[in-house]
Structures are given as C-alpha cells and as structure tokens.
C-alpha cells in the first residue's frame, strides 16, 4: 500500500467516525452548540479533537474531498481552503480520488 492509499484510508476512517458523531448530535438535537469531532488528518496516531457546529460539519461534508483537521495538521499535498478554529483542506491527486471513492455519503 502506498502513502496516498494509507493516508486516504486513515482519513476516511476518521470521517466515518465523525459521521457517527454527527448522527448522535442529530439525535440529541444539537443545533448551534459546538460538538467534538475527531481530527481527520492522515496521522494514524492523531487524537486531536476539533469543535465544530453542525453547520460547519455539514459544510465540510458538502465535498467528498474536504476534511476538517486540527490547525497545523495539513500534509504537503493538501490544499488549505480555510483556517479558523480548525483547518479545512481539500485532498488532491491520487489521495483526493481515493477519499472521494470512499465517501460514505455517496
């Protein structure tokens, strides 16, 4: 397995966990509150938590190539879209194609 495949698999695993967190936030009727999500970076050892509103999380999920990560966790191949209390990145190249294929919402 090459670097792009490993990174895409890890990022997709974190994204799937965050989808379950999002479902629970919906069940609990969280609307404006910030909810803890897992950093979706490619580091398999990362345990950083980022706080997002449901609106912010849904904006991230609007594109299967975008991920919410902790500040400073971007990789050299990531295209940084925005930085606030978290970094919004777009996965590019082979990694971008792989995460798009693994999107749980498609």
PDB file of N, CA and C in Angstrom:
ATOM      1  N   UNK A   1       0.855  -1.173   0.000  1.00  0.00           N
ATOM      2  CA  UNK A   1       0.000   0.000   0.000  1.00  0.00           C
ATOM      3  C   UNK A   1       0.905   1.242   0.000  1.00  0.00           C
ATOM      4  N   UNK A   2       0.637   2.186  -0.902  1.00  0.00           N
ATOM      5  CA  UNK A   2       1.468   3.382  -0.967  1.00  0.00           C
ATOM      6  C   UNK A   2       0.981   4.452   0.009  1.00  0.00           C
ATOM      7  N   UNK A   3       1.717   5.554   0.114  1.00  0.00           N
ATOM      8  CA  UNK A   3       1.416   6.618   1.068  1.00  0.00           C
ATOM      9  C   UNK A   3       0.020   7.199   0.854  1.00  0.00           C
ATOM     10  N   UNK A   4      -0.353   7.453  -0.387  1.00  0.00           N
ATOM     11  CA  UNK A   4      -1.675   8.033  -0.672  1.00  0.00           C
ATOM     12  C   UNK A   4      -2.787   7.084  -0.236  1.00  0.00           C
ATOM     13  N   UNK A   5      -2.608   5.793  -0.452  1.00  0.00           N
ATOM     14  CA  UNK A   5      -3.628   4.812  -0.041  1.00  0.00           C
ATOM     15  C   UNK A   5      -3.745   4.749   1.480  1.00  0.00           C
ATOM     16  N   UNK A   6      -2.607   4.752   2.182  1.00  0.00           N
ATOM     17  CA  UNK A   6      -2.629   4.731   3.651  1.00  0.00           C
ATOM     18  C   UNK A   6      -3.294   5.986   4.204  1.00  0.00           C
ATOM     19  N   UNK A   7      -2.914   7.129   3.655  1.00  0.00           N
ATOM     20  CA  UNK A   7      -3.482   8.398   4.115  1.00  0.00           C
ATOM     21  C   UNK A   7      -4.991   8.431   3.866  1.00  0.00           C
ATOM     22  N   UNK A   8      -5.418   8.041   2.673  1.00  0.00           N
ATOM     23  CA  UNK A   8      -6.848   8.058   2.340  1.00  0.00           C
ATOM     24  C   UNK A   8      -7.635   7.119   3.233  1.00  0.00           C
ATOM     25  N   UNK A   9      -7.073   5.963   3.531  1.00  0.00           N
ATOM     26  CA  UNK A   9      -7.774   5.007   4.394  1.00  0.00           C
ATOM     27  C   UNK A   9      -7.948   5.578   5.800  1.00  0.00           C
ATOM     28  N   UNK A  10      -6.895   6.192   6.339  1.00  0.00           N
ATOM     29  CA  UNK A  10      -6.988   6.765   7.683  1.00  0.00           C
ATOM     30  C   UNK A  10      -7.957   7.942   7.718  1.00  0.00           C
ATOM     31  N   UNK A  11      -7.856   8.832   6.751  1.00  0.00           N
ATOM     32  CA  UNK A  11      -8.753   9.988   6.710  1.00  0.00           C
ATOM     33  C   UNK A  11     -10.211   9.534   6.585  1.00  0.00           C
ATOM     34  N   UNK A  12     -10.445   8.536   5.767  1.00  0.00           N
ATOM     35  CA  UNK A  12     -11.800   8.015   5.591  1.00  0.00           C
ATOM     36  C   UNK A  12     -12.313   7.352   6.868  1.00  0.00           C
ATOM     37  N   UNK A  13     -11.439   6.695   7.603  1.00  0.00           N
ATOM     38  CA  UNK A  13     -11.835   6.082   8.878  1.00  0.00           C
ATOM     39  C   UNK A  13     -12.271   7.154   9.866  1.00  0.00           C
ATOM     40  N   UNK A  14     -11.507   8.244   9.970  1.00  0.00           N
ATOM     41  CA  UNK A  14     -11.879   9.340  10.860  1.00  0.00           C
ATOM     42  C   UNK A  14     -13.176   9.995  10.393  1.00  0.00           C
ATOM     43  N   UNK A  15     -13.338  10.130   9.071  1.00  0.00           N
ATOM     44  CA  UNK A  15     -14.568  10.730   8.542  1.00  0.00           C
ATOM     45  C   UNK A  15     -15.771   9.864   8.917  1.00  0.00           C
ATOM     46  N   UNK A  16     -15.647   8.548   8.803  1.00  0.00           N
ATOM     47  CA  UNK A  16     -16.748   7.645   9.171  1.00  0.00           C
ATOM     48  C   UNK A  16     -17.082   7.761  10.660  1.00  0.00           C
ATOM     49  N   UNK A  17     -16.074   7.875  11.505  1.00  0.00           N
ATOM     50  CA  UNK A  17     -16.325   8.057  12.938  1.00  0.00           C
ATOM     51  C   UNK A  17     -17.059   9.376  13.178  1.00  0.00           C
ATOM     52  N   UNK A  18     -16.664  10.413  12.462  1.00  0.00           N
ATOM     53  CA  UNK A  18     -17.332  11.702  12.617  1.00  0.00           C
ATOM     54  C   UNK A  18     -18.768  11.660  12.104  1.00  0.00           C
ATOM     55  N   UNK A  19     -19.032  10.836  11.116  1.00  0.00           N
ATOM     56  CA  UNK A  19     -20.411  10.668  10.646  1.00  0.00           C
ATOM     57  C   UNK A  19     -21.274  10.087  11.768  1.00  0.00           C
ATOM     58  N   UNK A  20     -20.739   9.156  12.526  1.00  0.00           N
ATOM     59  CA  UNK A  20     -21.481   8.588  13.665  1.00  0.00           C
ATOM     60  C   UNK A  20     -21.682   9.636  14.757  1.00  0.00           C
ATOM     61  N   UNK A  21     -20.671  10.459  14.989  1.00  0.00           N
ATOM     62  CA  UNK A  21     -20.814  11.553  15.954  1.00  0.00           C
ATOM     63  C   UNK A  21     -21.908  12.504  15.481  1.00  0.00           C
ATOM     64  N   UNK A  22     -21.931  12.808  14.209  1.00  0.00           N
ATOM     65  CA  UNK A  22     -22.947  13.699  13.638  1.00  0.00           C
ATOM     66  C   UNK A  22     -24.346  13.121  13.822  1.00  0.00           C
ATOM     67  N   UNK A  23     -24.496  11.820  13.615  1.00  0.00           N
ATOM     68  CA  UNK A  23     -25.797  11.170  13.819  1.00  0.00           C
ATOM     69  C   UNK A  23     -26.255  11.317  15.266  1.00  0.00           C
ATOM     70  N   UNK A  24     -25.337  11.126  16.204  1.00  0.00           N
ATOM     71  CA  UNK A  24     -25.672  11.254  17.623  1.00  0.00           C
ATOM     72  C   UNK A  24     -26.020  12.701  17.956  1.00  0.00           C
ATOM     73  N   UNK A  25     -25.296  13.661  17.414  1.00  0.00           N
ATOM     74  CA  UNK A  25     -25.604  15.073  17.638  1.00  0.00           C
ATOM     75  C   UNK A  25     -27.006  15.389  17.130  1.00  0.00           C
ATOM     76  N   UNK A  26     -27.370  14.791  16.008  1.00  0.00           N
ATOM     77  CA  UNK A  26     -28.719  14.975  15.464  1.00  0.00           C
ATOM     78  C   UNK A  26     -29.766  14.379  16.409  1.00  0.00           C
ATOM     79  N   UNK A  27     -29.507  13.165  16.899  1.00  0.00           N
ATOM     80  CA  UNK A  27     -30.434  12.519  17.842  1.00  0.00           C
ATOM     81  C   UNK A  27     -30.636  13.367  19.093  1.00  0.00           C
ATOM     82  N   UNK A  28     -29.582  14.030  19.542  1.00  0.00           N
ATOM     83  CA  UNK A  28     -29.647  14.844  20.755  1.00  0.00           C
ATOM     84  C   UNK A  28     -30.121  16.270  20.483  1.00  0.00           C
ATOM     85  N   UNK A  29     -30.468  16.528  19.232  1.00  0.00           N
ATOM     86  CA  UNK A  29     -30.985  17.841  18.801  1.00  0.00           C
ATOM     87  C   UNK A  29     -29.993  18.974  19.033  1.00  0.00           C
ATOM     88  N   UNK A  30     -28.699  18.681  18.910  1.00  0.00           N
ATOM     89  CA  UNK A  30     -27.706  19.751  18.959  1.00  0.00           C
ATOM     90  C   UNK A  30     -27.858  20.550  17.663  1.00  0.00           C
ATOM     91  N   UNK A  31     -27.989  21.840  17.779  1.00  0.00           N
ATOM     92  CA  UNK A  31     -28.137  22.646  16.577  1.00  0.00           C
ATOM     93  C   UNK A  31     -27.028  23.687  16.477  1.00  0.00           C
ATOM     94  N   UNK A  32     -26.932  24.545  17.453  1.00  0.00           N
ATOM     95  CA  UNK A  32     -25.936  25.621  17.423  1.00  0.00           C
ATOM     96  C   UNK A  32     -24.700  25.316  18.257  1.00  0.00           C
ATOM     97  N   UNK A  33     -24.795  24.323  19.145  1.00  0.00           N
ATOM     98  CA  UNK A  33     -23.686  24.013  20.033  1.00  0.00           C
ATOM     99  C   UNK A  33     -22.504  23.439  19.246  1.00  0.00           C
ATOM    100  N   UNK A  34     -21.331  23.706  19.741  1.00  0.00           N
ATOM    101  CA  UNK A  34     -20.144  23.070  19.152  1.00  0.00           C
ATOM    102  C   UNK A  34     -20.071  21.652  19.690  1.00  0.00           C
ATOM    103  N   UNK A  35     -19.767  20.740  18.809  1.00  0.00           N
ATOM    104  CA  UNK A  35     -19.693  19.323  19.127  1.00  0.00           C
ATOM    105  C   UNK A  35     -18.261  18.863  18.885  1.00  0.00           C
ATOM    106  N   UNK A  36     -17.729  17.965  19.715  1.00  0.00           N
ATOM    107  CA  UNK A  36     -16.367  17.469  19.481  1.00  0.00           C
ATOM    108  C   UNK A  36     -16.340  16.455  18.337  1.00  0.00           C
ATOM    109  N   UNK A  37     -15.466  16.708  17.392  1.00  0.00           N
ATOM    110  CA  UNK A  37     -15.219  15.792  16.273  1.00  0.00           C
ATOM    111  C   UNK A  37     -13.747  15.402  16.292  1.00  0.00           C
ATOM    112  N   UNK A  38     -13.435  14.327  15.634  1.00  0.00           N
ATOM    113  CA  UNK A  38     -12.067  13.826  15.561  1.00  0.00           C
ATOM    114  C   UNK A  38     -11.351  14.492  14.390  1.00  0.00           C
ATOM    115  N   UNK A  39     -10.128  14.928  14.625  1.00  0.00           N
ATOM    116  CA  UNK A  39      -9.304  15.469  13.537  1.00  0.00           C
ATOM    117  C   UNK A  39      -9.230  14.423  12.432  1.00  0.00           C
ATOM    118  N   UNK A  40      -9.443  14.846  11.198  1.00  0.00           N
ATOM    119  CA  UNK A  40      -9.475  13.928  10.053  1.00  0.00           C
ATOM    120  C   UNK A  40      -8.168  13.926   9.267  1.00  0.00           C
ATOM    121  N   UNK A  41      -7.058  14.199   9.946  1.00  0.00           N
ATOM    122  CA  UNK A  41      -5.767  14.202   9.259  1.00  0.00           C
ATOM    123  C   UNK A  41      -5.311  12.769   8.957  1.00  0.00           C
ATOM    124  N   UNK A  42      -4.223  12.654   8.245  1.00  0.00           N
ATOM    125  CA  UNK A  42      -3.763  11.324   7.834  1.00  0.00           C
ATOM    126  C   UNK A  42      -2.913  10.602   8.872  1.00  0.00           C
ATOM    127  N   UNK A  43      -2.586  11.261   9.974  1.00  0.00           N
ATOM    128  CA  UNK A  43      -1.749  10.645  11.012  1.00  0.00           C
ATOM    129  C   UNK A  43      -2.561   9.616  11.799  1.00  0.00           C
ATOM    130  N   UNK A  44      -2.203   8.361  11.705  1.00  0.00           N
ATOM    131  CA  UNK A  44      -2.947   7.287  12.373  1.00  0.00           C
ATOM    132  C   UNK A  44      -2.898   7.406  13.894  1.00  0.00           C
ATOM    133  N   UNK A  45      -1.935   8.138  14.426  1.00  0.00           N
ATOM    134  CA  UNK A  45      -1.805   8.294  15.876  1.00  0.00           C
ATOM    135  C   UNK A  45      -2.488   9.546  16.407  1.00  0.00           C
ATOM    136  N   UNK A  46      -3.061  10.354  15.536  1.00  0.00           N
ATOM    137  CA  UNK A  46      -3.665  11.615  15.960  1.00  0.00           C
ATOM    138  C   UNK A  46      -4.901  11.361  16.823  1.00  0.00           C
ATOM    139  N   UNK A  47      -4.983  12.082  17.926  1.00  0.00           N
ATOM    140  CA  UNK A  47      -6.147  12.001  18.816  1.00  0.00           C
ATOM    141  C   UNK A  47      -6.706  13.394  19.094  1.00  0.00           C
ATOM    142  N   UNK A  48      -6.330  14.349  18.274  1.00  0.00           N
ATOM    143  CA  UNK A  48      -6.764  15.737  18.460  1.00  0.00           C
ATOM    144  C   UNK A  48      -8.271  15.861  18.217  1.00  0.00           C
ATOM    145  N   UNK A  49      -8.921  16.642  19.056  1.00  0.00           N
ATOM    146  CA  UNK A  49     -10.352  16.917  18.936  1.00  0.00           C
ATOM    147  C   UNK A  49     -10.529  18.334  18.408  1.00  0.00           C
ATOM    148  N   UNK A  50     -11.462  18.505  17.483  1.00  0.00           N
ATOM    149  CA  UNK A  50     -11.818  19.832  16.988  1.00  0.00           C
ATOM    150  C   UNK A  50     -13.298  20.054  17.288  1.00  0.00           C
ATOM    151  N   UNK A  51     -13.639  21.279  17.598  1.00  0.00           N
ATOM    152  CA  UNK A  51     -15.018  21.611  17.953  1.00  0.00           C
ATOM    153  C   UNK A  51     -15.676  22.323  16.776  1.00  0.00           C
ATOM    154  N   UNK A  52     -16.766  21.725  16.277  1.00  0.00           N
ATOM    155  CA  UNK A  52     -17.481  22.281  15.137  1.00  0.00           C
ATOM    156  C   UNK A  52     -18.967  22.364  15.439  1.00  0.00           C
ATOM    157  N   UNK A  53     -19.624  23.348  14.850  1.00  0.00           N
ATOM    158  CA  UNK A  53     -21.076  23.355  14.876  1.00  0.00           C
ATOM    159  C   UNK A  53     -21.547  22.362  13.814  1.00  0.00           C
ATOM    160  N   UNK A  54     -22.783  21.962  13.891  1.00  0.00           N
ATOM    161  CA  UNK A  54     -23.319  21.055  12.876  1.00  0.00           C
ATOM    162  C   UNK A  54     -23.285  21.727  11.502  1.00  0.00           C
ATOM    163  N   UNK A  55     -23.525  23.024  11.465  1.00  0.00           N
ATOM    164  CA  UNK A  55     -23.475  23.763  10.197  1.00  0.00           C
ATOM    165  C   UNK A  55     -22.070  23.698   9.589  1.00  0.00           C
ATOM    166  N   UNK A  56     -21.043  23.891  10.422  1.00  0.00           N
ATOM    167  CA  UNK A  56     -19.662  23.797   9.928  1.00  0.00           C
ATOM    168  C   UNK A  56     -19.368  22.381   9.436  1.00  0.00           C
ATOM    169  N   UNK A  57     -19.805  21.390  10.220  1.00  0.00           N
ATOM    170  CA  UNK A  57     -19.545  19.998   9.824  1.00  0.00           C
ATOM    171  C   UNK A  57     -20.225  19.674   8.499  1.00  0.00           C
ATOM    172  N   UNK A  58     -21.460  20.092   8.333  1.00  0.00           N
ATOM    173  CA  UNK A  58     -22.175  19.817   7.080  1.00  0.00           C
ATOM    174  C   UNK A  58     -21.516  20.524   5.895  1.00  0.00           C
ATOM    175  N   UNK A  59     -20.957  21.701   6.128  1.00  0.00           N
ATOM    176  CA  UNK A  59     -20.240  22.406   5.061  1.00  0.00           C
ATOM    177  C   UNK A  59     -19.001  21.615   4.633  1.00  0.00           C
ATOM    178  N   UNK A  60     -18.303  21.022   5.605  1.00  0.00           N
ATOM    179  CA  UNK A  60     -17.136  20.186   5.292  1.00  0.00           C
ATOM    180  C   UNK A  60     -17.568  18.990   4.445  1.00  0.00           C
ATOM    181  N   UNK A  61     -18.654  18.347   4.833  1.00  0.00           N
ATOM    182  CA  UNK A  61     -19.122  17.143   4.135  1.00  0.00           C
ATOM    183  C   UNK A  61     -19.756  17.444   2.785  1.00  0.00           C
ATOM    184  N   UNK A  62     -19.929  18.729   2.460  1.00  0.00           N
ATOM    185  CA  UNK A  62     -20.507  19.104   1.172  1.00  0.00           C
ATOM    186  C   UNK A  62     -19.660  18.682  -0.014  1.00  0.00           C
ATOM    187  N   UNK A  63     -18.391  18.432   0.205  1.00  0.00           N
ATOM    188  CA  UNK A  63     -17.474  17.993  -0.857  1.00  0.00           C
ATOM    189  C   UNK A  63     -16.728  16.780  -0.321  1.00  0.00           C
ATOM    190  N   UNK A  64     -16.795  15.644  -1.013  1.00  0.00           N
ATOM    191  CA  UNK A  64     -16.149  14.432  -0.501  1.00  0.00           C
ATOM    192  C   UNK A  64     -14.621  14.518  -0.403  1.00  0.00           C
ATOM    193  N   UNK A  65     -14.031  15.545  -0.987  1.00  0.00           N
ATOM    194  CA  UNK A  65     -12.578  15.694  -0.914  1.00  0.00           C
ATOM    195  C   UNK A  65     -12.137  16.629   0.206  1.00  0.00           C
ATOM    196  N   UNK A  66     -13.102  17.225   0.944  1.00  0.00           N
ATOM    197  CA  UNK A  66     -12.713  18.152   2.004  1.00  0.00           C
ATOM    198  C   UNK A  66     -12.771  17.485   3.374  1.00  0.00           C
ATOM    199  N   UNK A  67     -11.854  17.916   4.225  1.00  0.00           N
ATOM    200  CA  UNK A  67     -11.717  17.347   5.559  1.00  0.00           C
ATOM    201  C   UNK A  67     -11.449  18.453   6.565  1.00  0.00           C
ATOM    202  N   UNK A  68     -11.941  18.253   7.781  1.00  0.00           N
ATOM    203  CA  UNK A  68     -11.699  19.172   8.892  1.00  0.00           C
ATOM    204  C   UNK A  68     -10.576  18.592   9.738  1.00  0.00           C
ATOM    205  N   UNK A  69      -9.519  19.353   9.899  1.00  0.00           N
ATOM    206  CA  UNK A  69      -8.374  18.884  10.663  1.00  0.00           C
ATOM    207  C   UNK A  69      -7.941  19.946  11.669  1.00  0.00           C
ATOM    208  N   UNK A  70      -7.193  19.518  12.652  1.00  0.00           N
ATOM    209  CA  UNK A  70      -6.652  20.450  13.642  1.00  0.00           C
ATOM    210  C   UNK A  70      -5.646  21.388  12.972  1.00  0.00           C
ATOM    211  N   UNK A  71      -5.530  22.575  13.524  1.00  0.00           N
ATOM    212  CA  UNK A  71      -4.576  23.547  12.985  1.00  0.00           C
ATOM    213  C   UNK A  71      -3.175  22.936  12.952  1.00  0.00           C
ATOM    214  N   UNK A  72      -2.495  23.088  11.823  1.00  0.00           N
ATOM    215  CA  UNK A  72      -1.139  22.588  11.680  1.00  0.00           C
ATOM    216  C   UNK A  72      -1.033  21.125  11.285  1.00  0.00           C
ATOM    217  N   UNK A  73      -2.151  20.439  11.061  1.00  0.00           N
ATOM    218  CA  UNK A  73      -2.119  19.008  10.723  1.00  0.00           C
ATOM    219  C   UNK A  73      -2.186  18.738   9.224  1.00  0.00           C
ATOM    220  N   UNK A  74      -2.129  19.771   8.401  1.00  0.00           N
ATOM    221  CA  UNK A  74      -2.191  19.547   6.961  1.00  0.00           C
ATOM    222  C   UNK A  74      -0.919  18.878   6.462  1.00  0.00           C
ATOM    223  N   UNK A  75      -1.063  18.116   5.390  1.00  0.00           N
ATOM    224  CA  UNK A  75       0.090  17.470   4.766  1.00  0.00           C
ATOM    225  C   UNK A  75       0.517  18.323   3.569  1.00  0.00           C
ATOM    226  N   UNK A  76       1.719  18.096   3.049  1.00  0.00           N
ATOM    227  CA  UNK A  76       2.204  18.917   1.932  1.00  0.00           C
ATOM    228  C   UNK A  76       1.304  18.871   0.694  1.00  0.00           C
ATOM    229  N   UNK A  77       0.577  17.789   0.490  1.00  0.00           N
ATOM    230  CA  UNK A  77      -0.274  17.667  -0.691  1.00  0.00           C
ATOM    231  C   UNK A  77      -1.662  18.278  -0.506  1.00  0.00           C
ATOM    232  N   UNK A  78      -2.015  18.667   0.719  1.00  0.00           N
ATOM    233  CA  UNK A  78      -3.326  19.250   0.982  1.00  0.00           C
ATOM    234  C   UNK A  78      -3.404  20.672   0.440  1.00  0.00           C
ATOM    235  N   UNK A  79      -4.567  21.021  -0.050  1.00  0.00           N
ATOM    236  CA  UNK A  79      -4.831  22.409  -0.428  1.00  0.00           C
ATOM    237  C   UNK A  79      -5.644  23.018   0.703  1.00  0.00           C
ATOM    238  N   UNK A  80      -5.071  23.982   1.412  1.00  0.00           N
ATOM    239  CA  UNK A  80      -5.760  24.635   2.519  1.00  0.00           C
ATOM    240  C   UNK A  80      -6.813  25.577   1.937  1.00  0.00           C
ATOM    241  N   UNK A  81      -8.060  25.367   2.372  1.00  0.00           N
ATOM    242  CA  UNK A  81      -9.172  26.187   1.903  1.00  0.00           C
ATOM    243  C   UNK A  81      -9.463  27.307   2.886  1.00  0.00           C
ATOM    244  N   UNK A  82      -9.417  26.988   4.186  1.00  0.00           N
ATOM    245  CA  UNK A  82      -9.745  27.978   5.204  1.00  0.00           C
ATOM    246  C   UNK A  82      -9.130  27.548   6.539  1.00  0.00           C
ATOM    247  N   UNK A  83      -8.808  28.528   7.361  1.00  0.00           N
ATOM    248  CA  UNK A  83      -8.323  28.261   8.719  1.00  0.00           C
ATOM    249  C   UNK A  83      -9.057  29.177   9.679  1.00  0.00           C
ATOM    250  N   UNK A  84      -9.724  28.571  10.652  1.00  0.00           N
ATOM    251  CA  UNK A  84     -10.391  29.326  11.709  1.00  0.00           C
ATOM    252  C   UNK A  84      -9.968  28.672  13.021  1.00  0.00           C
ATOM    253  N   UNK A  85     -10.891  27.994  13.682  1.00  0.00           N
ATOM    254  CA  UNK A  85     -10.537  27.210  14.866  1.00  0.00           C
ATOM    255  C   UNK A  85     -10.095  25.818  14.449  1.00  0.00           C
ATOM    256  N   UNK A  86     -10.211  25.503  13.175  1.00  0.00           N
ATOM    257  CA  UNK A  86      -9.755  24.261  12.563  1.00  0.00           C
ATOM    258  C   UNK A  86      -9.306  24.596  11.148  1.00  0.00           C
ATOM    259  N   UNK A  87      -8.667  23.661  10.488  1.00  0.00           N
ATOM    260  CA  UNK A  87      -8.245  23.867   9.108  1.00  0.00           C
ATOM    261  C   UNK A  87      -9.126  23.032   8.200  1.00  0.00           C
ATOM    262  N   UNK A  88      -9.627  23.649   7.153  1.00  0.00           N
ATOM    263  CA  UNK A  88     -10.406  22.956   6.133  1.00  0.00           C
ATOM    264  C   UNK A  88      -9.483  22.729   4.951  1.00  0.00           C
ATOM    265  N   UNK A  89      -9.291  21.449   4.591  1.00  0.00           N
ATOM    266  CA  UNK A  89      -8.392  21.132   3.487  1.00  0.00           C
ATOM    267  C   UNK A  89      -9.116  20.323   2.424  1.00  0.00           C
ATOM    268  N   UNK A  90      -8.590  20.441   1.212  1.00  0.00           N
ATOM    269  CA  UNK A  90      -9.045  19.603   0.105  1.00  0.00           C
ATOM    270  C   UNK A  90      -7.930  18.626  -0.222  1.00  0.00           C
ATOM    271  N   UNK A  91      -8.271  17.354  -0.323  1.00  0.00           N
ATOM    272  CA  UNK A  91      -7.311  16.328  -0.722  1.00  0.00           C
ATOM    273  C   UNK A  91      -7.180  16.375  -2.234  1.00  0.00           C
ATOM    274  N   UNK A  92      -5.962  16.257  -2.718  1.00  0.00           N
ATOM    275  CA  UNK A  92      -5.694  16.391  -4.146  1.00  0.00           C
ATOM    276  C   UNK A  92      -5.046  15.128  -4.695  1.00  0.00           C
ATOM    277  N   UNK A  93      -4.905  15.052  -5.991  1.00  0.00           N
ATOM    278  CA  UNK A  93      -4.206  13.954  -6.645  1.00  0.00           C
ATOM    279  C   UNK A  93      -4.832  12.604  -6.371  1.00  0.00           C
ATOM    280  N   UNK A  94      -3.977  11.579  -6.270  1.00  0.00           N
ATOM    281  CA  UNK A  94      -4.438  10.210  -6.030  1.00  0.00           C
ATOM    282  C   UNK A  94      -5.210  10.108  -4.715  1.00  0.00           C
ATOM    283  N   UNK A  95      -4.708  10.775  -3.695  1.00  0.00           N
ATOM    284  CA  UNK A  95      -5.366  10.748  -2.387  1.00  0.00           C
ATOM    285  C   UNK A  95      -6.786  11.322  -2.486  1.00  0.00           C
ATOM    286  N   UNK A  96      -6.933  12.416  -3.221  1.00  0.00           N
ATOM    287  CA  UNK A  96      -8.251  13.020  -3.410  1.00  0.00           C
ATOM    288  C   UNK A  96      -9.217  12.088  -4.116  1.00  0.00           C
ATOM    289  N   UNK A  97      -8.729  11.394  -5.119  1.00  0.00           N
ATOM    290  CA  UNK A  97      -9.578  10.442  -5.841  1.00  0.00           C
ATOM    291  C   UNK A  97      -9.998   9.282  -4.938  1.00  0.00           C
ATOM    292  N   UNK A  98      -9.069   8.807  -4.114  1.00  0.00           N
ATOM    293  CA  UNK A  98      -9.371   7.686  -3.222  1.00  0.00           C
ATOM    294  C   UNK A  98     -10.389   8.063  -2.153  1.00  0.00           C
ATOM    295  N   UNK A  99     -10.241   9.234  -1.535  1.00  0.00           N
ATOM    296  CA  UNK A  99     -11.199   9.613  -0.488  1.00  0.00           C
ATOM    297  C   UNK A  99     -12.572   9.890  -1.086  1.00  0.00           C
ATOM    298  N   UNK A 100     -12.589  10.358  -2.318  1.00  0.00           N
ATOM    299  CA  UNK A 100     -13.874  10.585  -2.983  1.00  0.00           C
ATOM    300  C   UNK A 100     -14.597   9.251  -3.204  1.00  0.00           C
ATOM    301  N   UNK A 101     -13.857   8.218  -3.593  1.00  0.00           N
ATOM    302  CA  UNK A 101     -14.426   6.878  -3.775  1.00  0.00           C
ATOM    303  C   UNK A 101     -14.950   6.301  -2.467  1.00  0.00           C
ATOM    304  N   UNK A 102     -14.304   6.651  -1.349  1.00  0.00           N
ATOM    305  CA  UNK A 102     -14.636   6.080  -0.044  1.00  0.00           C
ATOM    306  C   UNK A 102     -15.646   6.934   0.733  1.00  0.00           C
ATOM    307  N   UNK A 103     -16.240   7.913   0.087  1.00  0.00           N
ATOM    308  CA  UNK A 103     -17.177   8.810   0.748  1.00  0.00           C
ATOM    309  C   UNK A 103     -18.427   8.059   1.199  1.00  0.00           C
ATOM    310  N   UNK A 104     -18.734   8.074   2.504  1.00  0.00           N
ATOM    311  CA  UNK A 104     -19.910   7.343   2.982  1.00  0.00           C
ATOM    312  C   UNK A 104     -21.240   7.957   2.558  1.00  0.00           C
ATOM    313  N   UNK A 105     -21.207   9.176   2.060  1.00  0.00           N
ATOM    314  CA  UNK A 105     -22.446   9.837   1.643  1.00  0.00           C
ATOM    315  C   UNK A 105     -22.730   9.696   0.151  1.00  0.00           C
ATOM    316  N   UNK A 106     -21.910   8.945  -0.548  1.00  0.00           N
ATOM    317  CA  UNK A 106     -22.162   8.809  -1.995  1.00  0.00           C
ATOM    318  C   UNK A 106     -22.900   7.550  -2.323  1.00  0.00           C
TER     319      UNK A 106
END
